[in-house]
C-alpha atoms as a PDB file:
ATOM      1  CA  MET A   1       2.091  14.369 -26.058  1.00  0.00           C
ATOM      2  CA  THR A   2       5.670  13.356 -26.728  1.00  0.00           C
ATOM      3  CA  ASN A   3       6.368  11.397 -23.540  1.00  0.00           C
ATOM      4  CA  THR A   4       4.371   8.259 -22.747  1.00  0.00           C
ATOM      5  CA  LYS A   5       6.100   7.490 -19.440  1.00  0.00           C
ATOM      6  CA  SER A   6       3.586   7.913 -16.610  1.00  0.00           C
ATOM      7  CA  GLU A   7       5.767   7.623 -13.485  1.00  0.00           C
ATOM      8  CA  PHE A   8       9.221   8.866 -12.526  1.00  0.00           C
ATOM      9  CA  ASN A   9      11.591   7.822  -9.732  1.00  0.00           C
ATOM     10  CA  ARG A  10      14.172   9.971  -7.912  1.00  0.00           C
ATOM     11  CA  ASP A  11      16.887   9.239 -10.494  1.00  0.00           C
ATOM     12  CA  ASP A  12      14.537  10.337 -13.296  1.00  0.00           C
ATOM     13  CA  LEU A  13      13.760  13.580 -11.456  1.00  0.00           C
ATOM     14  CA  LEU A  14      17.474  14.266 -10.939  1.00  0.00           C
ATOM     15  CA  LYS A  15      18.010  13.793 -14.692  1.00  0.00           C
ATOM     16  CA  CYS A  16      15.255  16.324 -15.286  1.00  0.00           C
ATOM     17  CA  SER A  17      16.926  18.783 -12.909  1.00  0.00           C
ATOM     18  CA  SER A  18      20.207  18.504 -14.832  1.00  0.00           C
ATOM     19  CA  GLY A  19      18.464  19.131 -18.167  1.00  0.00           C
ATOM     20  CA  GLU A  20      18.764  15.574 -19.475  1.00  0.00           C
ATOM     21  CA  MET A  21      15.054  14.774 -19.737  1.00  0.00           C
ATOM     22  CA  PHE A  22      13.480  17.364 -22.049  1.00  0.00           C
ATOM     23  CA  GLY A  23      16.634  18.607 -23.775  1.00  0.00           C
ATOM     24  CA  PRO A  24      18.808  21.723 -23.498  1.00  0.00           C
ATOM     25  CA  GLY A  25      16.934  24.965 -22.870  1.00  0.00           C
ATOM     26  CA  ASN A  26      13.719  23.182 -21.949  1.00  0.00           C
ATOM     27  CA  SER A  27      11.830  22.611 -18.731  1.00  0.00           C
ATOM     28  CA  GLN A  28      13.897  21.446 -15.758  1.00  0.00           C
ATOM     29  CA  LEU A  29      13.126  20.661 -12.164  1.00  0.00           C
ATOM     30  CA  PRO A  30      15.265  22.359  -9.526  1.00  0.00           C
ATOM     31  CA  ALA A  31      18.245  20.471  -8.146  1.00  0.00           C
ATOM     32  CA  PRO A  32      18.353  19.310  -4.547  1.00  0.00           C
ATOM     33  CA  ASN A  33      17.815  20.916  -2.048  1.00  0.00           C
ATOM     34  CA  MET A  34      15.024  22.774  -3.873  1.00  0.00           C
ATOM     35  CA  LEU A  35      13.703  19.646  -5.596  1.00  0.00           C
ATOM     36  CA  MET A  36      10.635  19.082  -3.458  1.00  0.00           C
ATOM     37  CA  MET A  37       9.614  15.566  -4.492  1.00  0.00           C
ATOM     38  CA  ASP A  38      11.129  12.089  -4.493  1.00  0.00           C
ATOM     39  CA  ARG A  39       8.929  10.585  -7.190  1.00  0.00           C
ATOM     40  CA  ILE A  40       6.005  11.178  -9.505  1.00  0.00           C
ATOM     41  CA  VAL A  41       3.701   8.207  -9.051  1.00  0.00           C
ATOM     42  CA  LYS A  42       1.236   9.196 -11.777  1.00  0.00           C
ATOM     43  CA  ILE A  43       1.060  11.697 -14.597  1.00  0.00           C
ATOM     44  CA  THR A  44      -1.608  11.707 -17.297  1.00  0.00           C
ATOM     45  CA  GLU A  45      -2.436  14.169 -20.050  1.00  0.00           C
ATOM     46  CA  ASP A  46      -6.196  13.701 -19.999  1.00  0.00           C
ATOM     47  CA  GLY A  47      -7.055  12.759 -16.430  1.00  0.00           C
ATOM     48  CA  GLY A  48      -7.819  14.701 -13.303  1.00  0.00           C
ATOM     49  CA  GLU A  49     -10.759  16.694 -12.093  1.00  0.00           C
ATOM     50  CA  TYR A  50     -10.973  18.773 -15.291  1.00  0.00           C
ATOM     51  CA  GLY A  51      -9.862  16.114 -17.802  1.00  0.00           C
ATOM     52  CA  LYS A  52      -6.830  18.216 -18.850  1.00  0.00           C
ATOM     53  CA  GLY A  53      -4.081  16.437 -16.917  1.00  0.00           C
ATOM     54  CA  HIS A  54      -3.323  14.957 -13.524  1.00  0.00           C
ATOM     55  CA  ILE A  55      -0.177  14.505 -11.436  1.00  0.00           C
ATOM     56  CA  ILE A  56       0.443  12.774  -8.126  1.00  0.00           C
ATOM     57  CA  ALA A  57       3.904  13.096  -6.577  1.00  0.00           C
ATOM     58  CA  GLU A  58       5.431  12.265  -3.209  1.00  0.00           C
ATOM     59  CA  LEU A  59       8.128  13.494  -0.851  1.00  0.00           C
ATOM     60  CA  ASP A  60       9.428  11.243   1.929  1.00  0.00           C
ATOM     61  CA  ILE A  61       9.824  13.152   5.183  1.00  0.00           C
ATOM     62  CA  THR A  62      12.772  12.486   7.474  1.00  0.00           C
ATOM     63  CA  PRO A  63      13.808  14.599  10.473  1.00  0.00           C
ATOM     64  CA  ASP A  64      17.156  15.436   8.831  1.00  0.00           C
ATOM     65  CA  LEU A  65      15.686  17.347   5.864  1.00  0.00           C
ATOM     66  CA  TRP A  66      17.544  20.669   5.527  1.00  0.00           C
ATOM     67  CA  PHE A  67      14.636  23.026   6.208  1.00  0.00           C
ATOM     68  CA  PHE A  68      13.791  21.549   9.617  1.00  0.00           C
ATOM     69  CA  ALA A  69      17.109  22.798  11.060  1.00  0.00           C
ATOM     70  CA  CYS A  70      16.484  26.412  10.077  1.00  0.00           C
ATOM     71  CA  HIS A  71      12.692  26.914  10.012  1.00  0.00           C
ATOM     72  CA  PHE A  72      12.199  27.500  12.954  1.00  0.00           C
ATOM     73  CA  PRO A  73      15.066  26.532  15.326  1.00  0.00           C
ATOM     74  CA  GLY A  74      13.503  24.699  18.238  1.00  0.00           C
ATOM     75  CA  ASP A  75      10.124  24.592  16.446  1.00  0.00           C
ATOM     76  CA  PRO A  76      10.862  22.767  13.164  1.00  0.00           C
ATOM     77  CA  VAL A  77       8.284  22.896  10.393  1.00  0.00           C
ATOM     78  CA  MET A  78       8.486  22.666   6.606  1.00  0.00           C
ATOM     79  CA  PRO A  79       7.989  26.163   5.146  1.00  0.00           C
ATOM     80  CA  GLY A  80       4.631  26.474   3.426  1.00  0.00           C
ATOM     81  CA  CYS A  81       6.295  28.223   0.490  1.00  0.00           C
ATOM     82  CA  LEU A  82       8.175  24.985  -0.301  1.00  0.00           C
ATOM     83  CA  GLY A  83       4.908  23.099  -0.688  1.00  0.00           C
ATOM     84  CA  LEU A  84       3.628  25.864  -2.948  1.00  0.00           C
ATOM     85  CA  ASP A  85       6.861  25.757  -4.958  1.00  0.00           C
ATOM     86  CA  ALA A  86       6.515  21.976  -5.317  1.00  0.00           C
ATOM     87  CA  MET A  87       3.118  22.467  -6.931  1.00  0.00           C
ATOM     88  CA  TRP A  88       4.584  25.001  -9.392  1.00  0.00           C
ATOM     89  CA  GLN A  89       7.449  22.576 -10.078  1.00  0.00           C
ATOM     90  CA  LEU A  90       4.938  19.884 -10.991  1.00  0.00           C
ATOM     91  CA  VAL A  91       2.944  22.122 -13.327  1.00  0.00           C
ATOM     92  CA  GLY A  92       6.207  23.039 -15.085  1.00  0.00           C
ATOM     93  CA  PHE A  93       7.190  19.373 -15.279  1.00  0.00           C
ATOM     94  CA  PHE A  94       3.816  18.572 -16.847  1.00  0.00           C
ATOM     95  CA  LEU A  95       4.368  21.223 -19.530  1.00  0.00           C
ATOM     96  CA  GLY A  96       7.797  19.801 -20.425  1.00  0.00           C
ATOM     97  CA  TRP A  97       6.508  16.225 -20.295  1.00  0.00           C
ATOM     98  CA  SER A  98       3.690  17.139 -22.672  1.00  0.00           C
ATOM     99  CA  GLY A  99       6.152  18.480 -25.241  1.00  0.00           C
ATOM    100  CA  GLY A 100       6.368  22.154 -24.380  1.00  0.00           C
ATOM    101  CA  PRO A 101       9.568  23.975 -25.304  1.00  0.00           C
ATOM    102  CA  GLY A 102      11.280  26.536 -23.078  1.00  0.00           C
ATOM    103  CA  LYS A 103      12.250  27.176 -19.492  1.00  0.00           C
ATOM    104  CA  GLY A 104       9.593  27.065 -16.804  1.00  0.00           C
ATOM    105  CA  ARG A 105       8.668  30.065 -14.697  1.00  0.00           C
ATOM    106  CA  ALA A 106       5.981  30.380 -12.040  1.00  0.00           C
ATOM    107  CA  LEU A 107       3.553  33.118 -13.026  1.00  0.00           C
ATOM    108  CA  GLY A 108       1.307  33.244 -10.005  1.00  0.00           C
ATOM    109  CA  VAL A 109      -1.406  31.631  -7.973  1.00  0.00           C
ATOM    110  CA  GLY A 110      -4.959  32.763  -7.419  1.00  0.00           C
ATOM    111  CA  GLU A 111      -5.462  31.569  -3.855  1.00  0.00           C
ATOM    112  CA  VAL A 112      -3.601  29.470  -1.288  1.00  0.00           C
ATOM    113  CA  LYS A 113      -4.963  28.182   2.005  1.00  0.00           C
ATOM    114  CA  PHE A 114      -2.862  26.529   4.710  1.00  0.00           C
ATOM    115  CA  THR A 115      -4.743  24.466   7.297  1.00  0.00           C
ATOM    116  CA  GLY A 116      -1.948  22.305   8.683  1.00  0.00           C
ATOM    117  CA  GLN A 117       1.794  21.810   8.931  1.00  0.00           C
ATOM    118  CA  ILE A 118       4.516  19.348   8.000  1.00  0.00           C
ATOM    119  CA  LEU A 119       6.609  18.334  11.000  1.00  0.00           C
ATOM    120  CA  PRO A 120       9.726  16.126  11.219  1.00  0.00           C
ATOM    121  CA  THR A 121       7.539  13.338  12.637  1.00  0.00           C
ATOM    122  CA  ALA A 122       5.546  13.074   9.394  1.00  0.00           C
ATOM    123  CA  LYS A 123       6.226  10.237   6.955  1.00  0.00           C
ATOM    124  CA  LYS A 124       5.043  11.346   3.511  1.00  0.00           C
ATOM    125  CA  VAL A 125       3.842  14.420   1.660  1.00  0.00           C
ATOM    126  CA  THR A 126       1.591  13.859  -1.351  1.00  0.00           C
ATOM    127  CA  TYR A 127       1.072  16.515  -3.987  1.00  0.00           C
ATOM    128  CA  GLU A 128      -1.887  16.354  -6.341  1.00  0.00           C
ATOM    129  CA  ILE A 129      -2.218  18.611  -9.363  1.00  0.00           C
ATOM    130  CA  ASN A 130      -5.321  18.909 -11.557  1.00  0.00           C
ATOM    131  CA  LEU A 131      -4.680  20.826 -14.771  1.00  0.00           C
ATOM    132  CA  LYS A 132      -7.549  23.172 -15.652  1.00  0.00           C
ATOM    133  CA  ARG A 133      -6.147  24.608 -18.852  1.00  0.00           C
ATOM    134  CA  VAL A 134      -3.107  23.888 -20.999  1.00  0.00           C
ATOM    135  CA  VAL A 135      -2.207  26.450 -23.651  1.00  0.00           C
ATOM    136  CA  LYS A 136       0.030  25.098 -26.419  1.00  0.00           C
ATOM    137  CA  ARG A 137       0.759  28.104 -28.562  1.00  0.00           C
ATOM    138  CA  ARG A 138       3.780  30.376 -28.810  1.00  0.00           C
ATOM    139  CA  LEU A 139       3.647  30.433 -25.013  1.00  0.00           C
ATOM    140  CA  PHE A 140       3.100  27.064 -23.390  1.00  0.00           C
ATOM    141  CA  MET A 141       1.194  27.668 -20.169  1.00  0.00           C
ATOM    142  CA  GLY A 142      -0.539  25.578 -17.554  1.00  0.00           C
ATOM    143  CA  LEU A 143      -3.254  26.582 -15.128  1.00  0.00           C
ATOM    144  CA  ALA A 144      -3.981  24.105 -12.338  1.00  0.00           C
ATOM    145  CA  ASP A 145      -5.407  23.514  -8.897  1.00  0.00           C
ATOM    146  CA  GLY A 146      -3.337  21.595  -6.386  1.00  0.00           C
ATOM    147  CA  THR A 147      -3.254  20.112  -2.923  1.00  0.00           C
ATOM    148  CA  VAL A 148      -0.575  19.136  -0.456  1.00  0.00           C
ATOM    149  CA  ALA A 149      -1.380  16.323   1.956  1.00  0.00           C
ATOM    150  CA  VAL A 150       0.724  15.063   4.844  1.00  0.00           C
ATOM    151  CA  ASP A 151       0.216  11.439   5.853  1.00  0.00           C
ATOM    152  CA  GLY A 152      -3.113  11.439   4.007  1.00  0.00           C
ATOM    153  CA  LYS A 153      -4.533  14.717   5.369  1.00  0.00           C
ATOM    154  CA  VAL A 154      -4.895  17.651   2.940  1.00  0.00           C
ATOM    155  CA  ILE A 155      -3.278  20.712   4.533  1.00  0.00           C
ATOM    156  CA  TYR A 156      -2.695  23.151   1.631  1.00  0.00           C
ATOM    157  CA  VAL A 157      -5.066  23.975  -1.199  1.00  0.00           C
ATOM    158  CA  ALA A 158      -3.980  26.142  -4.134  1.00  0.00           C
ATOM    159  CA  LYS A 159      -6.265  27.468  -6.852  1.00  0.00           C
ATOM    160  CA  ASP A 160      -5.120  28.705 -10.247  1.00  0.00           C
ATOM    161  CA  LEU A 161      -1.419  27.820 -10.101  1.00  0.00           C
ATOM    162  CA  LYS A 162       0.046  29.325 -13.264  1.00  0.00           C
ATOM    163  CA  VAL A 163       3.320  28.302 -14.957  1.00  0.00           C
ATOM    164  CA  GLY A 164       4.658  29.251 -18.374  1.00  0.00           C
ATOM    165  CA  LEU A 165       7.499  27.988 -20.549  1.00  0.00           C
ATOM    166  CA  PHE A 166       9.674  30.672 -22.125  1.00  0.00           C
ATOM    167  CA  GLN A 167      12.233  30.441 -24.943  1.00  0.00           C
ATOM    168  CA  ASP A 168      14.001  33.569 -23.638  1.00  0.00           C
ATOM    169  CA  THR A 169      13.932  34.542 -19.964  1.00  0.00           C
ATOM    170  CA  SER A 170      16.431  37.428 -20.195  1.00  0.00           C
ATOM    171  CA  ALA A 171      13.691  40.075 -20.113  1.00  0.00           C
ATOM    172  CA  PHE A 172      11.784  38.408 -17.294  1.00  0.00           C
END
């Protein structure tokens, strides 16, 4: 591991989205509005359910978040795909944080279950990622399980989230 920092605030995450954290051409988080977390409260290389890495991140919910106005008008709810994307973002962040070179790309997910929703009245979303496998060869790749909880209640469960880091994405 090249980075010993184990928590990141909003300013840190914005630096990552602008390419300042892991260096040019390496893993970045999306910029707002697609940055789906406000902070990473814990990241470890050897923790979690499988002992391969663990991340906990949070998003503060306010009624003025951009997606509530358009999904669905008159029936606002955070799109489930944004929670799924947040989990991919975190797996990619983990790969960059652990020294992986290249740009992150989501490669798939085995299974996703939605059993709840995120409404404008919620206060906080918590993402938890448990790395199952981390490949550090020519292709850096992470395989993880993740959950999304709203105000302490798990509402999304994803199995086998897969993200890779690529030196060249032109043929993707």
